[in-house]
Amino acid sequence: MTINYIEVFNPTGKVKERTIATVTRAGDLNGEVIGLVDNGKPNFDIFLSRLEELLRNKFKFAGIICIKKGEKDTGAALNLEDMEKLATECHVVFNGICD
């Protein structure tokens, strides 16, 4: 008589814990320039518009720089010119994804 066996694997992975540093919260945004990055995902522009409205109700900005990614839904990085503009002119940049 032949006995057939099935090998069962444990799919549990091993996770290495690590500590990462986070940036300090911006705090008071009055008088600052903020950046808003629209990644082109559906409805993300609506989210950013609402975020801008809520922030404007709370703070008086020196300016707002809005950037829209050229390639939507690809996860592509911002182009170098836009990244430099945000990095040199903004105190805080809001960037995210939304589906």
PDB file of N, CA and C in Angstrom:
ATOM      1  N   MET A   1       0.842  -1.174   0.000  1.00  0.00           N
ATOM      2  CA  MET A   1       0.000   0.000   0.000  1.00  0.00           C
ATOM      3  C   MET A   1       0.893   1.245   0.000  1.00  0.00           C
ATOM      4  N   THR A   2       0.590   2.211  -0.879  1.00  0.00           N
ATOM      5  CA  THR A   2       1.354   3.452  -0.973  1.00  0.00           C
ATOM      6  C   THR A   2       0.633   4.555  -0.216  1.00  0.00           C
ATOM      7  N   ILE A   3       1.385   5.262   0.613  1.00  0.00           N
ATOM      8  CA  ILE A   3       0.804   6.383   1.360  1.00  0.00           C
ATOM      9  C   ILE A   3       1.325   7.673   0.753  1.00  0.00           C
ATOM     10  N   ASN A   4       0.417   8.566   0.384  1.00  0.00           N
ATOM     11  CA  ASN A   4       0.796   9.875  -0.163  1.00  0.00           C
ATOM     12  C   ASN A   4       0.743  10.928   0.944  1.00  0.00           C
ATOM     13  N   TYR A   5       1.740  11.762   0.969  1.00  0.00           N
ATOM     14  CA  TYR A   5       1.804  12.819   1.971  1.00  0.00           C
ATOM     15  C   TYR A   5       1.749  14.184   1.291  1.00  0.00           C
ATOM     16  N   ILE A   6       1.173  15.120   1.988  1.00  0.00           N
ATOM     17  CA  ILE A   6       1.147  16.513   1.530  1.00  0.00           C
ATOM     18  C   ILE A   6       2.012  17.310   2.486  1.00  0.00           C
ATOM     19  N   GLU A   7       2.943  18.064   1.926  1.00  0.00           N
ATOM     20  CA  GLU A   7       3.790  18.905   2.771  1.00  0.00           C
ATOM     21  C   GLU A   7       3.098  20.259   2.940  1.00  0.00           C
ATOM     22  N   VAL A   8       2.896  20.652   4.159  1.00  0.00           N
ATOM     23  CA  VAL A   8       2.234  21.916   4.461  1.00  0.00           C
ATOM     24  C   VAL A   8       3.281  22.904   4.960  1.00  0.00           C
ATOM     25  N   PHE A   9       3.320  24.076   4.353  1.00  0.00           N
ATOM     26  CA  PHE A   9       4.279  25.114   4.738  1.00  0.00           C
ATOM     27  C   PHE A   9       3.627  26.124   5.657  1.00  0.00           C
ATOM     28  N   ASN A  10       4.388  26.631   6.573  1.00  0.00           N
ATOM     29  CA  ASN A  10       3.913  27.693   7.456  1.00  0.00           C
ATOM     30  C   ASN A  10       4.194  29.030   6.760  1.00  0.00           C
ATOM     31  N   PRO A  11       3.157  29.786   6.392  1.00  0.00           N
ATOM     32  CA  PRO A  11       3.366  31.033   5.647  1.00  0.00           C
ATOM     33  C   PRO A  11       3.744  32.231   6.522  1.00  0.00           C
ATOM     34  N   THR A  12       3.932  31.985   7.808  1.00  0.00           N
ATOM     35  CA  THR A  12       4.237  33.087   8.712  1.00  0.00           C
ATOM     36  C   THR A  12       5.648  33.599   8.452  1.00  0.00           C
ATOM     37  N   GLY A  13       5.746  34.885   8.217  1.00  0.00           N
ATOM     38  CA  GLY A  13       7.053  35.490   7.984  1.00  0.00           C
ATOM     39  C   GLY A  13       7.696  35.939   9.276  1.00  0.00           C
ATOM     40  N   LYS A  14       8.963  36.233   9.198  1.00  0.00           N
ATOM     41  CA  LYS A  14       9.679  36.760  10.349  1.00  0.00           C
ATOM     42  C   LYS A  14       9.882  38.250  10.113  1.00  0.00           C
ATOM     43  N   VAL A  15       9.509  39.034  11.097  1.00  0.00           N
ATOM     44  CA  VAL A  15       9.581  40.483  10.975  1.00  0.00           C
ATOM     45  C   VAL A  15      10.685  41.008  11.872  1.00  0.00           C
ATOM     46  N   LYS A  16      11.534  41.839  11.277  1.00  0.00           N
ATOM     47  CA  LYS A  16      12.559  42.499  12.076  1.00  0.00           C
ATOM     48  C   LYS A  16      11.994  43.827  12.546  1.00  0.00           C
ATOM     49  N   GLU A  17      12.033  44.052  13.834  1.00  0.00           N
ATOM     50  CA  GLU A  17      11.573  45.335  14.349  1.00  0.00           C
ATOM     51  C   GLU A  17      12.687  46.345  14.190  1.00  0.00           C
ATOM     52  N   ARG A  18      12.306  47.550  13.820  1.00  0.00           N
ATOM     53  CA  ARG A  18      13.286  48.618  13.722  1.00  0.00           C
ATOM     54  C   ARG A  18      12.636  49.935  14.090  1.00  0.00           C
ATOM     55  N   THR A  19      13.436  50.827  14.538  1.00  0.00           N
ATOM     56  CA  THR A  19      12.953  52.139  14.922  1.00  0.00           C
ATOM     57  C   THR A  19      13.316  53.121  13.817  1.00  0.00           C
ATOM     58  N   ILE A  20      12.346  53.931  13.436  1.00  0.00           N
ATOM     59  CA  ILE A  20      12.622  54.958  12.436  1.00  0.00           C
ATOM     60  C   ILE A  20      12.324  56.325  13.029  1.00  0.00           C
ATOM     61  N   ALA A  21      13.070  57.290  12.601  1.00  0.00           N
ATOM     62  CA  ALA A  21      12.861  58.653  13.078  1.00  0.00           C
ATOM     63  C   ALA A  21      11.746  59.302  12.274  1.00  0.00           C
ATOM     64  N   THR A  22      10.919  60.063  12.940  1.00  0.00           N
ATOM     65  CA  THR A  22       9.872  60.808  12.249  1.00  0.00           C
ATOM     66  C   THR A  22      10.180  62.291  12.342  1.00  0.00           C
ATOM     67  N   VAL A  23       9.633  63.029  11.409  1.00  0.00           N
ATOM     68  CA  VAL A  23       9.870  64.466  11.415  1.00  0.00           C
ATOM     69  C   VAL A  23       9.047  65.124  12.511  1.00  0.00           C
ATOM     70  N   THR A  24       9.494  66.270  12.946  1.00  0.00           N
ATOM     71  CA  THR A  24       8.785  67.031  13.958  1.00  0.00           C
ATOM     72  C   THR A  24       7.541  67.655  13.339  1.00  0.00           C
ATOM     73  N   ARG A  25       6.468  67.687  14.079  1.00  0.00           N
ATOM     74  CA  ARG A  25       5.243  68.311  13.584  1.00  0.00           C
ATOM     75  C   ARG A  25       5.491  69.774  13.275  1.00  0.00           C
ATOM     76  N   ALA A  26       4.794  70.263  12.288  1.00  0.00           N
ATOM     77  CA  ALA A  26       5.007  71.627  11.825  1.00  0.00           C
ATOM     78  C   ALA A  26       4.546  72.675  12.832  1.00  0.00           C
ATOM     79  N   GLY A  27       3.481  72.418  13.554  1.00  0.00           N
ATOM     80  CA  GLY A  27       2.992  73.401  14.515  1.00  0.00           C
ATOM     81  C   GLY A  27       2.199  74.500  13.845  1.00  0.00           C
ATOM     82  N   ASP A  28       2.529  75.736  14.166  1.00  0.00           N
ATOM     83  CA  ASP A  28       1.798  76.902  13.659  1.00  0.00           C
ATOM     84  C   ASP A  28       2.131  77.146  12.194  1.00  0.00           C
ATOM     85  N   LEU A  29       1.121  77.128  11.343  1.00  0.00           N
ATOM     86  CA  LEU A  29       1.327  77.335   9.910  1.00  0.00           C
ATOM     87  C   LEU A  29       1.026  78.758   9.465  1.00  0.00           C
ATOM     88  N   ASN A  30       0.684  79.633  10.406  1.00  0.00           N
ATOM     89  CA  ASN A  30       0.408  81.017  10.044  1.00  0.00           C
ATOM     90  C   ASN A  30       1.652  81.648   9.430  1.00  0.00           C
ATOM     91  N   GLY A  31       1.447  82.308   8.303  1.00  0.00           N
ATOM     92  CA  GLY A  31       2.546  82.988   7.629  1.00  0.00           C
ATOM     93  C   GLY A  31       3.454  82.085   6.816  1.00  0.00           C
ATOM     94  N   GLU A  32       3.128  80.807   6.728  1.00  0.00           N
ATOM     95  CA  GLU A  32       3.960  79.850   6.002  1.00  0.00           C
ATOM     96  C   GLU A  32       3.386  79.573   4.616  1.00  0.00           C
ATOM     97  N   VAL A  33       4.222  79.035   3.753  1.00  0.00           N
ATOM     98  CA  VAL A  33       3.792  78.571   2.440  1.00  0.00           C
ATOM     99  C   VAL A  33       3.630  77.062   2.540  1.00  0.00           C
ATOM    100  N   ILE A  34       2.463  76.551   2.096  1.00  0.00           N
ATOM    101  CA  ILE A  34       2.255  75.113   2.116  1.00  0.00           C
ATOM    102  C   ILE A  34       2.153  74.594   0.690  1.00  0.00           C
ATOM    103  N   GLY A  35       2.462  73.327   0.532  1.00  0.00           N
ATOM    104  CA  GLY A  35       2.361  72.680  -0.769  1.00  0.00           C
ATOM    105  C   GLY A  35       1.314  71.589  -0.724  1.00  0.00           C
ATOM    106  N   LEU A  36       0.557  71.482  -1.788  1.00  0.00           N
ATOM    107  CA  LEU A  36      -0.443  70.426  -1.935  1.00  0.00           C
ATOM    108  C   LEU A  36      -0.124  69.668  -3.218  1.00  0.00           C
ATOM    109  N   VAL A  37       0.061  68.362  -3.103  1.00  0.00           N
ATOM    110  CA  VAL A  37       0.414  67.546  -4.265  1.00  0.00           C
ATOM    111  C   VAL A  37      -0.763  66.645  -4.618  1.00  0.00           C
ATOM    112  N   ASP A  38      -1.305  66.847  -5.812  1.00  0.00           N
ATOM    113  CA  ASP A  38      -2.404  66.021  -6.319  1.00  0.00           C
ATOM    114  C   ASP A  38      -1.786  64.905  -7.152  1.00  0.00           C
ATOM    115  N   ASN A  39      -1.975  63.668  -6.705  1.00  0.00           N
ATOM    116  CA  ASN A  39      -1.376  62.543  -7.403  1.00  0.00           C
ATOM    117  C   ASN A  39      -2.202  62.051  -8.591  1.00  0.00           C
ATOM    118  N   GLY A  40      -3.334  62.688  -8.849  1.00  0.00           N
ATOM    119  CA  GLY A  40      -4.137  62.333 -10.012  1.00  0.00           C
ATOM    120  C   GLY A  40      -5.102  61.187  -9.802  1.00  0.00           C
ATOM    121  N   LYS A  41      -5.121  60.604  -8.620  1.00  0.00           N
ATOM    122  CA  LYS A  41      -6.066  59.521  -8.360  1.00  0.00           C
ATOM    123  C   LYS A  41      -7.488  60.095  -8.377  1.00  0.00           C
ATOM    124  N   PRO A  42      -8.476  59.276  -8.734  1.00  0.00           N
ATOM    125  CA  PRO A  42      -9.850  59.763  -8.757  1.00  0.00           C
ATOM    126  C   PRO A  42     -10.266  60.329  -7.397  1.00  0.00           C
ATOM    127  N   ASN A  43     -10.834  61.507  -7.419  1.00  0.00           N
ATOM    128  CA  ASN A  43     -11.373  62.206  -6.249  1.00  0.00           C
ATOM    129  C   ASN A  43     -10.328  62.783  -5.299  1.00  0.00           C
ATOM    130  N   PHE A  44      -9.048  62.588  -5.582  1.00  0.00           N
ATOM    131  CA  PHE A  44      -8.046  63.153  -4.685  1.00  0.00           C
ATOM    132  C   PHE A  44      -8.057  64.675  -4.749  1.00  0.00           C
ATOM    133  N   ASP A  45      -8.400  65.234  -5.908  1.00  0.00           N
ATOM    134  CA  ASP A  45      -8.510  66.685  -6.026  1.00  0.00           C
ATOM    135  C   ASP A  45      -9.608  67.216  -5.106  1.00  0.00           C
ATOM    136  N   ILE A  46     -10.682  66.462  -4.937  1.00  0.00           N
ATOM    137  CA  ILE A  46     -11.770  66.853  -4.037  1.00  0.00           C
ATOM    138  C   ILE A  46     -11.274  66.841  -2.595  1.00  0.00           C
ATOM    139  N   PHE A  47     -10.530  65.795  -2.240  1.00  0.00           N
ATOM    140  CA  PHE A  47      -9.948  65.709  -0.910  1.00  0.00           C
ATOM    141  C   PHE A  47      -9.023  66.894  -0.643  1.00  0.00           C
ATOM    142  N   LEU A  48      -8.148  67.209  -1.593  1.00  0.00           N
ATOM    143  CA  LEU A  48      -7.219  68.331  -1.398  1.00  0.00           C
ATOM    144  C   LEU A  48      -7.946  69.664  -1.293  1.00  0.00           C
ATOM    145  N   SER A  49      -8.994  69.841  -2.065  1.00  0.00           N
ATOM    146  CA  SER A  49      -9.772  71.084  -1.983  1.00  0.00           C
ATOM    147  C   SER A  49     -10.381  71.249  -0.598  1.00  0.00           C
ATOM    148  N   ARG A  50     -10.912  70.172  -0.061  1.00  0.00           N
ATOM    149  CA  ARG A  50     -11.505  70.216   1.280  1.00  0.00           C
ATOM    150  C   ARG A  50     -10.429  70.439   2.336  1.00  0.00           C
ATOM    151  N   LEU A  51      -9.281  69.777   2.190  1.00  0.00           N
ATOM    152  CA  LEU A  51      -8.175  69.975   3.115  1.00  0.00           C
ATOM    153  C   LEU A  51      -7.717  71.429   3.091  1.00  0.00           C
ATOM    154  N   GLU A  52      -7.581  71.982   1.904  1.00  0.00           N
ATOM    155  CA  GLU A  52      -7.184  73.391   1.790  1.00  0.00           C
ATOM    156  C   GLU A  52      -8.193  74.296   2.474  1.00  0.00           C
ATOM    157  N   GLU A  53      -9.478  74.045   2.273  1.00  0.00           N
ATOM    158  CA  GLU A  53     -10.531  74.847   2.901  1.00  0.00           C
ATOM    159  C   GLU A  53     -10.425  74.787   4.424  1.00  0.00           C
ATOM    160  N   LEU A  54     -10.262  73.576   4.962  1.00  0.00           N
ATOM    161  CA  LEU A  54     -10.153  73.426   6.418  1.00  0.00           C
ATOM    162  C   LEU A  54      -8.907  74.123   6.965  1.00  0.00           C
ATOM    163  N   LEU A  55      -7.803  74.007   6.253  1.00  0.00           N
ATOM    164  CA  LEU A  55      -6.570  74.655   6.692  1.00  0.00           C
ATOM    165  C   LEU A  55      -6.680  76.174   6.619  1.00  0.00           C
ATOM    166  N   ARG A  56      -7.320  76.689   5.566  1.00  0.00           N
ATOM    167  CA  ARG A  56      -7.496  78.144   5.429  1.00  0.00           C
ATOM    168  C   ARG A  56      -8.383  78.711   6.544  1.00  0.00           C
ATOM    169  N   ASN A  57      -9.307  77.902   7.038  1.00  0.00           N
ATOM    170  CA  ASN A  57     -10.162  78.345   8.140  1.00  0.00           C
ATOM    171  C   ASN A  57      -9.385  78.446   9.447  1.00  0.00           C
ATOM    172  N   LYS A  58      -8.297  77.716   9.552  1.00  0.00           N
ATOM    173  CA  LYS A  58      -7.519  77.675  10.787  1.00  0.00           C
ATOM    174  C   LYS A  58      -6.256  78.535  10.737  1.00  0.00           C
ATOM    175  N   PHE A  59      -5.671  78.690   9.550  1.00  0.00           N
ATOM    176  CA  PHE A  59      -4.392  79.402   9.415  1.00  0.00           C
ATOM    177  C   PHE A  59      -4.469  80.465   8.330  1.00  0.00           C
ATOM    178  N   LYS A  60      -3.596  81.437   8.427  1.00  0.00           N
ATOM    179  CA  LYS A  60      -3.445  82.481   7.398  1.00  0.00           C
ATOM    180  C   LYS A  60      -2.100  82.247   6.723  1.00  0.00           C
ATOM    181  N   PHE A  61      -2.132  81.626   5.552  1.00  0.00           N
ATOM    182  CA  PHE A  61      -0.913  81.258   4.846  1.00  0.00           C
ATOM    183  C   PHE A  61      -0.312  82.424   4.080  1.00  0.00           C
ATOM    184  N   ALA A  62       0.991  82.379   3.920  1.00  0.00           N
ATOM    185  CA  ALA A  62       1.671  83.324   3.039  1.00  0.00           C
ATOM    186  C   ALA A  62       1.425  82.912   1.590  1.00  0.00           C
ATOM    187  N   GLY A  63       1.169  81.639   1.379  1.00  0.00           N
ATOM    188  CA  GLY A  63       0.885  81.151   0.035  1.00  0.00           C
ATOM    189  C   GLY A  63       0.647  79.657   0.024  1.00  0.00           C
ATOM    190  N   ILE A  64       0.065  79.206  -1.075  1.00  0.00           N
ATOM    191  CA  ILE A  64      -0.171  77.775  -1.273  1.00  0.00           C
ATOM    192  C   ILE A  64       0.317  77.431  -2.670  1.00  0.00           C
ATOM    193  N   ILE A  65       1.126  76.395  -2.764  1.00  0.00           N
ATOM    194  CA  ILE A  65       1.615  75.913  -4.051  1.00  0.00           C
ATOM    195  C   ILE A  65       0.937  74.579  -4.324  1.00  0.00           C
ATOM    196  N   CYS A  66       0.173  74.515  -5.410  1.00  0.00           N
ATOM    197  CA  CYS A  66      -0.521  73.289  -5.792  1.00  0.00           C
ATOM    198  C   CYS A  66       0.196  72.666  -6.986  1.00  0.00           C
ATOM    199  N   ILE A  67       0.539  71.412  -6.856  1.00  0.00           N
ATOM    200  CA  ILE A  67       1.228  70.678  -7.918  1.00  0.00           C
ATOM    201  C   ILE A  67       0.381  69.472  -8.271  1.00  0.00           C
ATOM    202  N   LYS A  68       0.198  69.239  -9.561  1.00  0.00           N
ATOM    203  CA  LYS A  68      -0.509  68.040 -10.011  1.00  0.00           C
ATOM    204  C   LYS A  68       0.485  67.185 -10.779  1.00  0.00           C
ATOM    205  N   LYS A  69       0.589  65.924 -10.373  1.00  0.00           N
ATOM    206  CA  LYS A  69       1.501  65.016 -11.057  1.00  0.00           C
ATOM    207  C   LYS A  69       1.080  64.856 -12.507  1.00  0.00           C
ATOM    208  N   GLY A  70       2.058  64.734 -13.366  1.00  0.00           N
ATOM    209  CA  GLY A  70       1.782  64.582 -14.792  1.00  0.00           C
ATOM    210  C   GLY A  70       1.211  63.229 -15.145  1.00  0.00           C
ATOM    211  N   GLU A  71       1.748  62.177 -14.531  1.00  0.00           N
ATOM    212  CA  GLU A  71       1.291  60.823 -14.825  1.00  0.00           C
ATOM    213  C   GLU A  71       0.402  60.334 -13.700  1.00  0.00           C
ATOM    214  N   LYS A  72      -0.887  60.325 -13.924  1.00  0.00           N
ATOM    215  CA  LYS A  72      -1.774  59.903 -12.846  1.00  0.00           C
ATOM    216  C   LYS A  72      -1.896  58.386 -12.778  1.00  0.00           C
ATOM    217  N   ASP A  73      -2.202  57.919 -11.595  1.00  0.00           N
ATOM    218  CA  ASP A  73      -2.422  56.496 -11.323  1.00  0.00           C
ATOM    219  C   ASP A  73      -1.218  55.602 -11.612  1.00  0.00           C
ATOM    220  N   THR A  74      -0.021  56.169 -11.715  1.00  0.00           N
ATOM    221  CA  THR A  74       1.136  55.326 -12.012  1.00  0.00           C
ATOM    222  C   THR A  74       2.066  55.175 -10.817  1.00  0.00           C
ATOM    223  N   GLY A  75       1.896  56.004  -9.809  1.00  0.00           N
ATOM    224  CA  GLY A  75       2.821  55.966  -8.684  1.00  0.00           C
ATOM    225  C   GLY A  75       4.144  56.633  -9.020  1.00  0.00           C
ATOM    226  N   ALA A  76       4.176  57.328 -10.138  1.00  0.00           N
ATOM    227  CA  ALA A  76       5.407  57.991 -10.572  1.00  0.00           C
ATOM    228  C   ALA A  76       5.750  59.134  -9.628  1.00  0.00           C
ATOM    229  N   ALA A  77       7.022  59.384  -9.498  1.00  0.00           N
ATOM    230  CA  ALA A  77       7.492  60.477  -8.647  1.00  0.00           C
ATOM    231  C   ALA A  77       7.216  61.817  -9.319  1.00  0.00           C
ATOM    232  N   LEU A  78       7.252  62.862  -8.518  1.00  0.00           N
ATOM    233  CA  LEU A  78       7.160  64.211  -9.072  1.00  0.00           C
ATOM    234  C   LEU A  78       8.378  64.476  -9.942  1.00  0.00           C
ATOM    235  N   ASN A  79       8.222  65.372 -10.898  1.00  0.00           N
ATOM    236  CA  ASN A  79       9.401  65.716 -11.685  1.00  0.00           C
ATOM    237  C   ASN A  79      10.342  66.569 -10.833  1.00  0.00           C
ATOM    238  N   LEU A  80      11.574  66.626 -11.226  1.00  0.00           N
ATOM    239  CA  LEU A  80      12.610  67.286 -10.439  1.00  0.00           C
ATOM    240  C   LEU A  80      12.303  68.763 -10.194  1.00  0.00           C
ATOM    241  N   GLU A  81      11.782  69.442 -11.178  1.00  0.00           N
ATOM    242  CA  GLU A  81      11.461  70.870 -11.036  1.00  0.00           C
ATOM    243  C   GLU A  81      10.400  71.101  -9.954  1.00  0.00           C
ATOM    244  N   ASP A  82       9.350  70.278  -9.963  1.00  0.00           N
ATOM    245  CA  ASP A  82       8.295  70.403  -8.956  1.00  0.00           C
ATOM    246  C   ASP A  82       8.810  70.058  -7.558  1.00  0.00           C
ATOM    247  N   MET A  83       9.632  69.002  -7.463  1.00  0.00           N
ATOM    248  CA  MET A  83      10.191  68.632  -6.163  1.00  0.00           C
ATOM    249  C   MET A  83      11.052  69.755  -5.599  1.00  0.00           C
ATOM    250  N   GLU A  84      11.848  70.368  -6.458  1.00  0.00           N
ATOM    251  CA  GLU A  84      12.711  71.454  -5.998  1.00  0.00           C
ATOM    252  C   GLU A  84      11.883  72.651  -5.547  1.00  0.00           C
ATOM    253  N   LYS A  85      10.835  72.966  -6.281  1.00  0.00           N
ATOM    254  CA  LYS A  85       9.963  74.083  -5.911  1.00  0.00           C
ATOM    255  C   LYS A  85       9.329  73.837  -4.543  1.00  0.00           C
ATOM    256  N   LEU A  86       8.811  72.637  -4.321  1.00  0.00           N
ATOM    257  CA  LEU A  86       8.201  72.308  -3.032  1.00  0.00           C
ATOM    258  C   LEU A  86       9.238  72.338  -1.911  1.00  0.00           C
ATOM    259  N   ALA A  87      10.412  71.795  -2.183  1.00  0.00           N
ATOM    260  CA  ALA A  87      11.458  71.709  -1.155  1.00  0.00           C
ATOM    261  C   ALA A  87      12.008  73.080  -0.765  1.00  0.00           C
ATOM    262  N   THR A  88      12.094  73.990  -1.702  1.00  0.00           N
ATOM    263  CA  THR A  88      12.701  75.291  -1.407  1.00  0.00           C
ATOM    264  C   THR A  88      11.704  76.359  -0.984  1.00  0.00           C
ATOM    265  N   GLU A  89      10.447  76.213  -1.396  1.00  0.00           N
ATOM    266  CA  GLU A  89       9.481  77.276  -1.129  1.00  0.00           C
ATOM    267  C   GLU A  89       8.442  76.957  -0.056  1.00  0.00           C
ATOM    268  N   CYS A  90       8.308  75.678   0.305  1.00  0.00           N
ATOM    269  CA  CYS A  90       7.240  75.291   1.236  1.00  0.00           C
ATOM    270  C   CYS A  90       7.787  74.922   2.610  1.00  0.00           C
ATOM    271  N   HIS A  91       7.014  75.285   3.621  1.00  0.00           N
ATOM    272  CA  HIS A  91       7.324  74.881   4.986  1.00  0.00           C
ATOM    273  C   HIS A  91       6.776  73.476   5.245  1.00  0.00           C
ATOM    274  N   VAL A  92       5.604  73.184   4.694  1.00  0.00           N
ATOM    275  CA  VAL A  92       4.939  71.885   4.842  1.00  0.00           C
ATOM    276  C   VAL A  92       4.354  71.493   3.501  1.00  0.00           C
ATOM    277  N   VAL A  93       4.452  70.194   3.175  1.00  0.00           N
ATOM    278  CA  VAL A  93       3.850  69.679   1.939  1.00  0.00           C
ATOM    279  C   VAL A  93       2.913  68.539   2.308  1.00  0.00           C
ATOM    280  N   PHE A  94       1.696  68.614   1.796  1.00  0.00           N
ATOM    281  CA  PHE A  94       0.713  67.556   1.981  1.00  0.00           C
ATOM    282  C   PHE A  94       0.694  66.720   0.706  1.00  0.00           C
ATOM    283  N   ASN A  95       1.027  65.448   0.864  1.00  0.00           N
ATOM    284  CA  ASN A  95       1.093  64.529  -0.258  1.00  0.00           C
ATOM    285  C   ASN A  95       0.531  63.195   0.212  1.00  0.00           C
ATOM    286  N   GLY A  96      -0.258  62.572  -0.604  1.00  0.00           N
ATOM    287  CA  GLY A  96      -0.819  61.294  -0.193  1.00  0.00           C
ATOM    288  C   GLY A  96      -1.488  60.612  -1.359  1.00  0.00           C
ATOM    289  N   ILE A  97      -2.175  59.532  -1.051  1.00  0.00           N
ATOM    290  CA  ILE A  97      -2.918  58.808  -2.081  1.00  0.00           C
ATOM    291  C   ILE A  97      -4.357  58.650  -1.613  1.00  0.00           C
ATOM    292  N   CYS A  98      -5.234  58.469  -2.567  1.00  0.00           N
ATOM    293  CA  CYS A  98      -6.643  58.328  -2.220  1.00  0.00           C
ATOM    294  C   CYS A  98      -7.329  57.545  -3.327  1.00  0.00           C
ATOM    295  N   ASP A  99      -8.026  56.512  -2.966  1.00  0.00           N
ATOM    296  CA  ASP A  99      -8.812  55.749  -3.933  1.00  0.00           C
ATOM    297  C   ASP A  99     -10.264  55.748  -3.518  1.00  0.00           C
TER     298      ASP A  99
END
